[in-house]
Protein backbone atom coordinates (compact mmCIF):
# COMPACT_ATOMS: atom_id res chain seq x y z
CA UNK A 1 -4.01 22.21 -10.05
CA UNK A 2 -6.17 25.37 -9.96
CA UNK A 3 -9.28 23.29 -9.23
CA UNK A 4 -7.49 21.54 -6.38
CA UNK A 5 -6.43 24.89 -4.92
CA UNK A 6 -9.96 26.29 -5.12
CA UNK A 7 -11.42 23.16 -3.51
CA UNK A 8 -8.83 23.39 -0.72
CA UNK A 9 -9.75 27.03 -0.07
CA UNK A 10 -13.42 26.11 0.11
CA UNK A 11 -12.71 23.27 2.56
CA UNK A 12 -10.51 25.56 4.67
CA UNK A 13 -13.18 28.27 4.98
CA UNK A 14 -15.85 25.98 6.38
CA UNK A 15 -13.72 24.52 9.18
CA UNK A 16 -13.76 25.68 12.81
CA UNK A 17 -11.44 28.37 14.15
CA UNK A 18 -9.74 25.89 16.48
CA UNK A 19 -8.81 23.61 13.60
CA UNK A 20 -7.32 26.56 11.75
CA UNK A 21 -5.30 27.56 14.83
CA UNK A 22 -4.04 24.02 15.27
CA UNK A 23 -3.17 23.78 11.58
CA UNK A 24 -1.17 27.01 11.56
CA UNK A 25 0.74 25.94 14.68
CA UNK A 26 1.30 22.50 13.17
CA UNK A 27 2.74 24.07 10.02
CA UNK A 28 5.36 25.97 12.02
CA UNK A 29 5.97 23.14 14.48
CA UNK A 30 6.64 20.65 11.68
CA UNK A 31 9.35 22.92 10.33
CA UNK A 32 11.22 22.96 13.63
CA UNK A 33 10.60 19.25 14.29
CA UNK A 34 12.25 18.57 10.94
CA UNK A 35 15.46 20.14 12.18
CA UNK A 36 16.08 17.19 14.51
CA UNK A 37 13.77 14.42 13.29
CA UNK A 38 16.22 12.81 10.87
CA UNK A 39 19.10 12.98 13.32
CA UNK A 40 17.64 11.63 16.57
CA UNK A 41 19.06 8.13 16.11
CA UNK A 42 22.38 9.44 14.77
CA UNK A 43 22.61 11.84 17.74
CA UNK A 44 21.90 9.09 20.27
CA UNK A 45 24.40 6.84 18.54
CA UNK A 46 27.00 9.62 18.66
CA UNK A 47 26.30 9.91 22.40
CA UNK A 48 27.56 6.35 22.73
CA UNK A 49 24.59 4.01 22.15
CA UNK A 50 25.10 0.87 20.04
CA UNK A 51 22.25 -0.55 17.87
CA UNK A 52 20.91 -2.74 20.70
CA UNK A 53 20.95 0.16 23.16
CA UNK A 54 19.28 2.38 20.58
CA UNK A 55 16.57 -0.23 20.18
CA UNK A 56 16.22 -0.48 23.97
CA UNK A 57 15.76 3.28 24.27
CA UNK A 58 12.95 3.25 21.73
CA UNK A 59 11.32 0.31 23.49
CA UNK A 60 11.43 2.17 26.80
CA UNK A 61 9.75 5.12 25.13
CA UNK A 62 7.02 2.85 23.75
CA UNK A 63 6.37 1.35 27.19
CA UNK A 64 5.57 4.77 28.59
CA UNK A 65 3.22 5.62 25.74
CA UNK A 66 1.48 2.28 26.02
CA UNK A 67 0.84 2.64 29.75
CA UNK A 68 -1.03 5.92 29.37
CA UNK A 69 -2.95 5.14 26.16
CA UNK A 70 -6.08 3.57 27.63
CA UNK A 71 -6.57 5.94 30.60
CA UNK A 72 -5.72 8.93 28.43
CA UNK A 73 -8.33 7.95 25.86
CA UNK A 74 -10.97 7.82 28.60
CA UNK A 75 -9.83 11.20 29.97
CA UNK A 76 -9.91 12.69 26.46
CA UNK A 77 -13.62 11.87 26.09
CA UNK A 78 -14.45 13.34 29.52
CA UNK A 79 -12.33 16.45 30.10
CA UNK A 80 -11.13 19.67 28.47
CA UNK A 81 -9.36 18.95 25.18
CA UNK A 82 -7.75 22.38 25.25
CA UNK A 83 -6.07 21.75 28.61
CA UNK A 84 -5.03 18.23 27.59
CA UNK A 85 -3.46 19.42 24.35
CA UNK A 86 -1.60 22.30 25.99
CA UNK A 87 -0.23 19.93 28.62
CA UNK A 88 1.15 17.70 25.88
CA UNK A 89 2.77 20.67 24.16
CA UNK A 90 4.46 21.58 27.45
CA UNK A 91 5.79 18.05 27.87
CA UNK A 92 7.23 18.11 24.36
CA UNK A 93 9.24 21.22 25.30
CA UNK A 94 10.79 19.32 28.20
CA UNK A 95 11.75 16.49 25.84
CA UNK A 96 13.53 18.86 23.46
CA UNK A 97 15.32 20.54 26.35
CA UNK A 98 16.52 17.18 27.69
CA UNK A 99 17.97 16.23 24.29
CA UNK A 100 19.76 19.58 24.10
CA UNK A 101 21.35 19.06 27.53
CA UNK A 102 22.33 15.36 27.13
CA UNK A 103 26.04 14.49 27.41
CA UNK A 104 25.70 10.71 27.00
CA UNK A 105 23.05 8.29 25.81
CA UNK A 106 21.95 7.39 29.36
CA UNK A 107 20.88 11.01 29.90
CA UNK A 108 18.48 10.61 26.97
CA UNK A 109 16.47 7.89 28.77
CA UNK A 110 14.15 10.32 30.66
CA UNK A 111 13.56 12.24 27.44
CA UNK A 112 12.66 9.06 25.56
CA UNK A 113 10.23 8.04 28.31
CA UNK A 114 8.60 11.45 28.26
CA UNK A 115 8.59 11.75 24.45
CA UNK A 116 6.03 9.00 23.93
CA UNK A 117 3.75 10.52 26.57
CA UNK A 118 4.14 13.99 25.05
CA UNK A 119 3.36 12.66 21.57
CA UNK A 120 0.15 11.03 22.81
CA UNK A 121 -1.10 13.89 24.97
CA UNK A 122 0.03 16.68 22.65
CA UNK A 123 -1.14 15.19 19.35
CA UNK A 124 -3.05 17.65 17.18
CA UNK A 125 -5.42 14.75 16.47
CA UNK A 126 -6.83 15.41 19.94
CA UNK A 127 -8.47 18.49 18.42
CA UNK A 128 -8.85 17.35 14.80
CA UNK A 129 -10.79 14.17 15.58
CA UNK A 130 -13.76 16.12 16.90
CA UNK A 131 -13.38 19.34 14.90
CA UNK A 132 -13.56 18.01 11.32
CA UNK A 133 -16.55 16.82 9.36
CA UNK A 134 -16.24 13.25 8.13
CA UNK A 135 -16.85 14.36 4.55
CA UNK A 136 -13.96 16.85 4.82
CA UNK A 137 -11.56 14.69 6.82
CA UNK A 138 -9.39 13.39 3.99
CA UNK A 139 -9.37 16.76 2.24
CA UNK A 140 -8.29 18.52 5.45
CA UNK A 141 -5.60 15.94 6.05
CA UNK A 142 -4.45 16.58 2.51
CA UNK A 143 -4.22 20.32 3.19
CA UNK A 144 -2.22 19.75 6.40
CA UNK A 145 0.07 17.23 4.76
CA UNK A 146 0.38 19.25 1.56
CA UNK A 147 0.28 23.03 1.59
CA UNK A 148 1.13 23.27 5.28
CA UNK A 149 4.21 21.09 4.86
CA UNK A 150 5.68 23.45 2.25
CA UNK A 151 7.70 25.54 4.76
CA UNK A 152 9.35 22.33 5.98
CA UNK A 153 11.02 22.02 2.58
CA UNK A 154 13.55 24.57 3.82
CA UNK A 155 14.32 22.70 7.06
CA UNK A 156 16.66 19.98 5.67
CA UNK A 157 18.90 22.54 3.97
CA UNK A 158 18.99 24.70 7.11
CA UNK A 159 19.78 21.59 9.15
CA UNK A 160 22.65 20.54 6.86
CA UNK A 161 24.16 24.04 6.90
CA UNK A 162 23.85 24.29 10.68
CA UNK A 163 25.50 20.91 11.22
CA UNK A 164 28.28 21.83 8.80
CA UNK A 165 28.84 25.16 10.57
CA UNK A 166 29.18 23.44 13.95
CA UNK A 167 31.65 20.80 12.73
CA UNK A 168 29.74 18.11 10.85
CA UNK A 169 27.74 15.07 11.96
CA UNK A 170 28.66 14.76 15.63
CA UNK A 171 27.13 15.47 19.03
CA UNK A 172 28.21 19.10 19.00
CA UNK A 173 27.25 19.50 15.36
CA UNK A 174 23.67 18.31 15.99
CA UNK A 175 23.04 19.73 19.49
CA UNK A 176 22.33 23.35 18.38
CA UNK A 177 19.36 22.11 16.39
CA UNK A 178 17.63 21.06 19.62
CA UNK A 179 18.18 24.51 21.12
CA UNK A 180 16.67 26.17 18.05
CA UNK A 181 13.69 23.84 18.24
CA UNK A 182 13.22 24.50 21.97
CA UNK A 183 13.12 28.29 21.62
CA UNK A 184 10.68 28.04 18.69
CA UNK A 185 8.53 25.60 20.67
CA UNK A 186 8.15 28.08 23.53
CA UNK A 187 6.95 30.78 21.11
CA UNK A 188 4.46 28.42 19.46
CA UNK A 189 3.15 27.30 22.85
CA UNK A 190 2.37 30.93 23.72
CA UNK A 191 0.55 31.27 20.38
CA UNK A 192 -1.69 28.34 21.34
CA UNK A 193 -2.38 29.64 24.84
CA UNK A 194 -3.56 32.94 23.38
CA UNK A 195 -5.59 31.66 20.41
CA UNK A 196 -6.92 28.16 21.18
CA UNK A 197 -10.41 28.11 22.70
CA UNK A 198 -12.28 25.28 24.37
CA UNK A 199 -13.41 22.60 21.94
CA UNK A 200 -17.18 22.25 21.56
CA UNK A 201 -18.39 18.66 21.10
CA UNK A 202 -21.49 16.57 21.80
CA UNK A 203 -22.14 16.01 25.49
CA UNK A 204 -20.78 12.65 26.58
CA UNK A 205 -23.23 10.39 28.39
CA UNK A 206 -22.67 9.87 32.10
CA UNK A 207 -19.78 7.50 32.75
CA UNK A 208 -20.69 3.92 33.63
CA UNK A 209 -17.19 3.17 34.86
CA UNK A 210 -13.84 2.80 33.13
CA UNK A 211 -14.32 -0.77 31.88
CA UNK A 212 -17.94 -0.33 30.81
CA UNK A 213 -17.09 2.87 28.97
CA UNK A 214 -14.53 0.99 26.91
CA UNK A 215 -16.94 -1.86 26.25
CA UNK A 216 -19.31 0.75 24.83
CA UNK A 217 -16.71 1.61 22.18
CA UNK A 218 -16.68 -1.98 20.90
CA UNK A 219 -20.47 -2.14 21.02
CA UNK A 220 -20.92 1.00 18.93
CA UNK A 221 -17.93 0.65 16.59
CA UNK A 222 -17.40 -1.66 13.64
CA UNK A 223 -14.53 -4.07 12.81
CA UNK A 224 -12.51 -2.70 15.71
CA UNK A 225 -10.70 -5.94 16.54
CA UNK A 226 -9.57 -6.35 12.95
CA UNK A 227 -8.38 -2.76 12.88
CA UNK A 228 -6.45 -3.36 16.11
CA UNK A 229 -4.66 -6.26 14.40
CA UNK A 230 -3.90 -4.05 11.39
CA UNK A 231 -2.49 -1.29 13.60
CA UNK A 232 -0.45 -3.75 15.66
CA UNK A 233 1.27 -5.14 12.56
CA UNK A 234 1.82 -1.66 11.13
CA UNK A 235 3.26 -0.35 14.40
CA UNK A 236 5.51 -3.37 14.86
CA UNK A 237 6.89 -2.92 11.35
CA UNK A 238 7.48 0.82 11.81
CA UNK A 239 8.86 0.43 15.32
CA UNK A 240 11.30 -2.25 14.25
CA UNK A 241 12.77 -0.37 11.28
CA UNK A 242 12.05 3.33 11.92
CA UNK A 243 14.82 4.01 14.46
CA UNK A 244 17.42 2.57 12.08
CA UNK A 245 16.47 4.11 8.72
CA UNK A 246 18.64 7.21 8.92
CA UNK A 247 21.40 5.27 10.67
CA UNK A 248 21.35 2.83 7.73
CA UNK A 249 21.65 5.67 5.24
CA UNK A 250 24.52 7.24 7.21
CA UNK A 251 26.56 4.21 8.28
CA UNK A 252 25.85 1.65 5.53
CA UNK A 253 25.20 3.81 2.46
CA UNK A 254 27.59 6.62 3.29
CA UNK A 255 25.07 9.46 3.26
CA UNK A 256 26.31 12.77 4.66
CA UNK A 257 24.17 15.58 6.09
CA UNK A 258 23.43 16.95 2.62
CA UNK A 259 22.22 13.60 1.26
CA UNK A 260 20.11 13.02 4.39
CA UNK A 261 18.69 16.52 3.97
CA UNK A 262 17.96 15.84 0.29
CA UNK A 263 16.18 12.60 1.21
CA UNK A 264 13.91 14.48 3.59
CA UNK A 265 13.30 17.28 1.12
CA UNK A 266 12.41 14.81 -1.64
CA UNK A 267 9.75 13.15 0.52
CA UNK A 268 8.35 16.52 1.58
CA UNK A 269 8.14 17.75 -2.02
CA UNK A 270 5.97 14.75 -2.87
CA UNK A 271 3.72 15.53 0.08
CA UNK A 272 3.37 19.18 -0.90
CA UNK A 273 2.61 18.38 -4.54
CA UNK A 274 0.21 15.49 -4.11
CA UNK A 275 -1.37 15.51 -0.62
CA UNK A 276 -4.26 17.88 -1.37
CA UNK A 277 -5.20 16.19 -4.63
CA UNK A 278 -4.87 12.70 -3.12
CA UNK A 279 -7.01 13.80 -0.17
CA UNK A 280 -9.84 14.71 -2.55
CA UNK A 281 -9.14 11.58 -4.58
CA UNK A 282 -9.54 9.45 -1.45
CA UNK A 283 -13.05 10.83 -1.01
CA UNK A 284 -13.81 9.75 -4.58
CA UNK A 285 -12.37 6.22 -4.77
CA UNK A 286 -12.19 5.35 -1.08
CA UNK A 287 -9.44 5.44 1.54
CA UNK A 288 -8.56 1.75 1.26
CA UNK A 289 -7.96 2.02 -2.47
CA UNK A 290 -5.44 4.81 -1.86
CA UNK A 291 -3.54 2.52 0.52
CA UNK A 292 -3.57 -0.30 -2.03
CA UNK A 293 -2.22 2.03 -4.72
CA UNK A 294 0.75 3.34 -2.75
CA UNK A 295 1.89 0.08 -1.13
CA UNK A 296 3.80 -1.12 -4.24
CA UNK A 297 5.60 2.24 -4.42
CA UNK A 298 6.65 1.84 -0.79
CA UNK A 299 8.01 -1.66 -1.47
CA UNK A 300 10.01 -0.36 -4.43
CA UNK A 301 11.39 2.46 -2.26
CA UNK A 302 12.63 -0.07 0.31
CA UNK A 303 14.26 -2.23 -2.36
CA UNK A 304 15.94 0.84 -3.83
CA UNK A 305 17.19 1.92 -0.41
CA UNK A 306 18.84 -1.44 0.22
CA UNK A 307 20.29 -1.86 -3.28
CA UNK A 308 21.39 1.77 -3.83
CA UNK A 309 24.90 1.72 -5.42
CA UNK A 310 25.57 5.28 -4.25
CA UNK A 311 24.02 7.71 -1.73
CA UNK A 312 22.29 9.70 -4.49
CA UNK A 313 19.90 6.80 -5.15
CA UNK A 314 18.60 7.22 -1.61
CA UNK A 315 16.88 10.42 -2.72
CA UNK A 316 14.85 8.53 -5.33
CA UNK A 317 13.89 6.01 -2.64
CA UNK A 318 12.59 8.87 -0.50
CA UNK A 319 10.51 10.23 -3.38
CA UNK A 320 8.65 6.93 -3.70
CA UNK A 321 8.36 6.53 0.06
CA UNK A 322 6.72 9.94 0.32
CA UNK A 323 3.50 8.54 -1.14
CA UNK A 324 3.21 6.11 1.79
CA UNK A 325 3.41 9.05 4.20
CA UNK A 326 0.59 10.78 2.33
CA UNK A 327 -1.57 7.65 2.51
CA UNK A 328 -1.07 7.43 6.29
CA UNK A 329 -2.41 10.96 6.73
CA UNK A 330 -5.23 11.15 4.21
CA UNK A 331 -6.40 7.52 4.14
CA UNK A 332 -5.31 5.37 7.07
CA UNK A 333 -6.05 7.84 9.86
CA UNK A 334 -9.46 9.01 8.56
CA UNK A 335 -10.46 5.39 8.00
CA UNK A 336 -9.56 4.62 11.61
CA UNK A 337 -11.41 7.60 13.10
CA UNK A 338 -14.67 6.86 11.31
CA UNK A 339 -15.00 3.35 12.70
CA UNK A 340 -16.55 4.79 15.89
CA UNK A 341 -19.03 7.62 16.74
CA UNK A 342 -17.61 11.06 17.57
CA UNK A 343 -18.17 10.76 21.34
CA UNK A 344 -16.11 7.56 21.44
CA UNK A 345 -13.07 8.77 19.54
CA UNK A 346 -10.94 9.63 22.54
CA UNK A 347 -11.37 6.14 24.00
CA UNK A 348 -10.86 4.62 20.55
CA UNK A 349 -7.58 6.52 20.19
CA UNK A 350 -6.64 5.10 23.58
CA UNK A 351 -7.37 1.55 22.44
CA UNK A 352 -5.44 2.04 19.21
CA UNK A 353 -2.57 3.58 21.16
CA UNK A 354 -2.51 0.61 23.51
CA UNK A 355 -2.37 -1.89 20.64
CA UNK A 356 0.22 0.17 18.82
CA UNK A 357 2.32 0.54 21.93
CA UNK A 358 2.24 -3.14 22.86
CA UNK A 359 3.40 -4.03 19.36
CA UNK A 360 6.06 -1.32 19.39
CA UNK A 361 7.67 -2.24 22.72
CA UNK A 362 9.64 -5.29 21.49
CA UNK A 363 9.99 -4.01 17.92
CA UNK A 364 13.11 -1.78 18.27
CA UNK A 365 14.94 -4.43 20.31
CA UNK A 366 14.14 -7.06 17.69
CA UNK A 367 15.25 -4.60 15.03
CA UNK A 368 18.57 -4.08 16.81
CA UNK A 369 19.07 -7.83 17.08
CA UNK A 370 18.38 -8.35 13.37
CA UNK A 371 20.82 -5.54 12.57
CA UNK A 372 23.56 -7.12 14.70
CA UNK A 373 22.98 -10.80 13.89
CA UNK A 374 21.61 -10.98 10.34
CA UNK A 375 22.71 -7.63 8.98
CA UNK A 376 21.23 -4.14 8.41
CA UNK A 377 19.83 -4.92 4.95
CA UNK A 378 17.70 -7.79 6.26
CA UNK A 379 16.19 -5.45 8.83
CA UNK A 380 15.30 -2.77 6.27
CA UNK A 381 13.62 -5.35 4.00
CA UNK A 382 11.35 -6.72 6.73
CA UNK A 383 8.44 -4.25 6.20
CA UNK A 384 7.90 -5.58 2.68
CA UNK A 385 7.12 -9.08 3.97
CA UNK A 386 4.95 -7.84 6.84
CA UNK A 387 3.05 -5.49 4.53
CA UNK A 388 2.30 -7.91 1.72
CA UNK A 389 1.70 -11.03 3.81
CA UNK A 390 -0.08 -9.62 6.87
CA UNK A 391 -0.93 -5.91 6.82
CA UNK A 392 -2.70 -5.60 3.47
CA UNK A 393 -4.67 -8.89 3.79
CA UNK A 394 -6.08 -7.66 7.12
CA UNK A 395 -7.01 -4.30 5.57
CA UNK A 396 -9.13 -6.02 2.91
CA UNK A 397 -11.50 -7.18 5.68
CA UNK A 398 -12.10 -3.68 7.13
CA UNK A 399 -15.37 -1.97 6.11
CA UNK A 400 -15.20 1.60 4.88
CA UNK A 401 -17.67 4.40 5.46
CA UNK A 402 -18.65 5.53 1.96
CA UNK A 403 -21.83 7.56 2.39
CA UNK A 404 -19.96 10.77 1.54
CA UNK A 405 -18.11 9.36 -1.47
CA UNK A 406 -19.15 10.99 -4.72
CA UNK A 407 -21.28 8.74 -6.83
CA UNK A 408 -20.02 8.07 -10.31
CA UNK A 409 -22.16 7.60 -13.35
C-alpha cells in the first residue's frame, strides 16, 4: 500500500498543471454528480414516465450526442481545448438547472437532449487525452478513479439523508439534490475559468477537408474498425440496461434510499481501494488482461443482482461490479486512446462517440420493451450474453501498445 502511494505521488508530480487542475475539479464534481446520479431514472419515473418513455428519453439524449460526435472530434483537433471544455461545463449547468425546475417528465426532454452534448463537449478527457504521457496513462486514471473518488464516498449517505428530510423517494424528495449540484457546479466552473490555461499540444497539420481529415485517422491508427465494433457492442449493452439498473433495485428488489446509497458507496470503496494499484498493474500485465480478469466478476455481480433474496444482497453485487468500473477507466479508455497518434485523438474520440451513439440510440427503447414484455430480470441479464459472446471475443483481436510495459525476467 505504501509503495502504491509513493508511486502515485511520483506520477502526480510529473504531470502538467492543467491535468492537476482538471483532476481537482473532477474530484469535487464527482461528489456532487453522485448526489443525483443514482436517482435520475427514479426521478424521471416519479415525474410520470413509464419504462418505455424512460427508454425513449434516453434514446433522444443519445441522438443528440451522436449528431455532434464527428464534427466535435474534428473541432477538438483544430481549436482551443480550454474554450471547448469550458463551454461543455456551462452546458452541464443548464442541464442540472432544467432537472431542478422540471414538473413533469416532458419538461425533462430538453435537458436530456442537452445532457449528451454537455457530456461530450465537457468531458475531462478533452484535456487528459493530450496532457498525459502514454506510460503514465493507466496510473493517472487509477489516481483519478481511486484517491480522487474518496470524497464521493460521503455523497450516498448525504443523498439518503437529504431525501429522507424532504419526504422520501419522490419528486420533491429528490429535487433539492439538483439545486445543491447546480450551485456547486457554478462555483467549480469559476475555479476552472481562473486556473485552467490553454492546452499546449503538437501543431496539427493543415486541414485537407473534413472527410480527408477523418480518413487520415484510419490511415495512421491501428485496428480502429475492430475497436469501433467493440465500442458499439459495449455501448449498446450499457445503454440498454443502464437507465433501468436503479429502477430495478427500487421497484423489483425493494431497495430504499439507504440501500441504494449503500450500493453506490460499496462500488466507490472498491474504486478507492484498488484503482491506483490496478492502474500500475495494468502497465505491468497489459490493459486487455485487466479487462479479462474483471469480466467474470461483473457477470457474477449481475447474477447476484437478479437473484438477490433481499435488498442487502444488492450491496455485494455492487462491490463486485465496482471492479468493472475500474477496468473501464484504467484499461479500456487508455487502450482506446493509444490506437491513434496524439494529433488524431480528438477526431478519434469523435469517431468512437459516433459509433457509441448510434448503438445507444435504440438501446434504451429496446431495454424498455424487454422490461415490459419479457420482464425486468431478462433485461438485467442481457449484458452477460453480449459480453461473453460478442464483446470479449472482439477484444481478443485488438492489438495493444506494450512498449512501456515493464519487462519481466
